[in-house]
Every structure is written in structure tokens, then in C-alpha cells.
Amino acid sequence: MGLFKDPRRSPDDTRASYARRRAPYLILIAVGCTVYALMKQQPGGSNTIWIGVFVMWVAAALSAYAADWSDLRK
């Protein structure tokens, strides 16, 4: 079972390289959550959806910040 395996592909992978592969997907999911929250607005609705959207954007931002983007500068 790969459930508890290290998600990095090889021993020389770092957290930064893993975060770089994960960051675009998290940003895409955050955009999707935002669109869903905007379409789902109801009068007198709860703030639970917006808390989830905020948490998703924080996760995406932290992943993008932790990623290794050094090869883009070359």
C-alpha cells in the first residue's frame, strides 16, 4: 500500500521539489473552491464555505512559497 509511503519520487527529492509539483494543483483547486463558493451563495448562508476557501488558499500559498522555483530564473 502506498498510503503511508513518502510522496517524494526518489531519495534525492526534497520538500521543495515536491511542493513545486503540488503547488499548481493546489492553486487550481483553490480557484475551483472559490468559484463554487461564489455560485453557492445563499441568503443567510453560513461562513463555513468561506473558511474552507480561505484554508485552501493558505495551503496553496504555502506550497507555492515552499517550492523550489530556482530553475525558472535561468
Protein backbone atom coordinates (compact mmCIF):
# COMPACT_ATOMS: atom_id res chain seq x y z
CA MET A 1 0.00 0.00 0.00
CA GLY A 2 1.31 3.41 -0.90
CA LEU A 3 -0.86 5.20 1.63
CA PHE A 4 1.90 5.80 4.17
CA LYS A 5 4.82 5.98 1.75
CA ASP A 6 6.90 9.08 1.35
CA PRO A 7 5.28 11.02 -1.54
CA ARG A 8 8.66 12.11 -2.89
CA ARG A 9 9.65 10.19 -6.02
CA SER A 10 13.28 9.46 -5.33
CA PRO A 11 15.75 9.80 -2.45
CA ASP A 12 17.23 12.99 -3.88
CA ASP A 13 13.82 14.69 -3.99
CA THR A 14 13.38 17.45 -1.46
CA ARG A 15 10.37 19.04 0.12
CA ALA A 16 10.84 21.99 -2.21
CA SER A 17 10.69 19.84 -5.35
CA TYR A 18 7.63 18.01 -4.04
CA ALA A 19 5.96 21.33 -3.20
CA ARG A 20 6.72 22.54 -6.71
CA ARG A 21 4.84 19.60 -8.23
CA ARG A 22 1.96 20.07 -5.80
CA ALA A 23 1.58 23.89 -5.91
CA PRO A 24 -0.12 24.25 -9.32
CA TYR A 25 -2.75 21.67 -8.43
CA LEU A 26 -3.49 23.31 -5.10
CA ILE A 27 -3.90 26.69 -6.79
CA LEU A 28 -6.25 25.15 -9.35
CA ILE A 29 -8.30 23.55 -6.58
CA ALA A 30 -8.38 26.84 -4.65
CA VAL A 31 -9.72 28.64 -7.73
CA GLY A 32 -12.36 25.92 -8.14
CA CYS A 33 -13.37 26.22 -4.48
CA THR A 34 -13.67 29.99 -4.85
CA VAL A 35 -15.89 29.65 -7.93
CA TYR A 36 -18.01 27.07 -6.12
CA ALA A 37 -18.37 29.35 -3.09
CA LEU A 38 -19.38 32.29 -5.25
CA MET A 39 -22.01 30.24 -7.09
CA LYS A 40 -23.32 28.62 -3.90
CA GLN A 41 -24.08 31.88 -2.09
CA GLN A 42 -27.41 31.79 -0.35
CA PRO A 43 -29.12 34.47 1.68
CA GLY A 44 -28.31 33.85 5.33
CA GLY A 45 -25.76 31.16 4.39
CA SER A 46 -23.02 30.06 6.74
CA ASN A 47 -19.41 31.11 6.61
CA THR A 48 -18.20 27.51 6.59
CA ILE A 49 -17.66 27.54 2.82
CA TRP A 50 -15.60 30.72 3.03
CA ILE A 51 -13.48 29.29 5.84
CA GLY A 52 -12.77 26.29 3.62
CA VAL A 53 -11.86 28.56 0.70
CA PHE A 54 -9.52 30.56 2.96
CA VAL A 55 -7.82 27.39 4.21
CA MET A 56 -7.41 26.15 0.65
CA TRP A 57 -5.79 29.43 -0.46
CA VAL A 58 -3.47 29.37 2.54
CA ALA A 59 -2.39 25.81 1.68
CA ALA A 60 -1.81 26.79 -1.95
CA ALA A 61 0.17 29.89 -0.98
CA LEU A 62 2.34 28.00 1.50
CA SER A 63 3.05 25.30 -1.06
CA ALA A 64 3.97 27.87 -3.71
CA TYR A 65 6.19 29.68 -1.20
CA ALA A 66 7.98 26.48 -0.14
CA ALA A 67 8.52 25.30 -3.72
CA ASP A 68 11.88 25.44 -5.46
CA TRP A 69 11.41 27.79 -8.43
CA SER A 70 15.14 28.42 -8.94
CA ASP A 71 15.35 26.84 -12.40
CA LEU A 72 12.81 29.35 -13.76
CA ARG A 73 15.29 32.18 -13.23
CA LYS A 74 17.88 30.69 -15.58
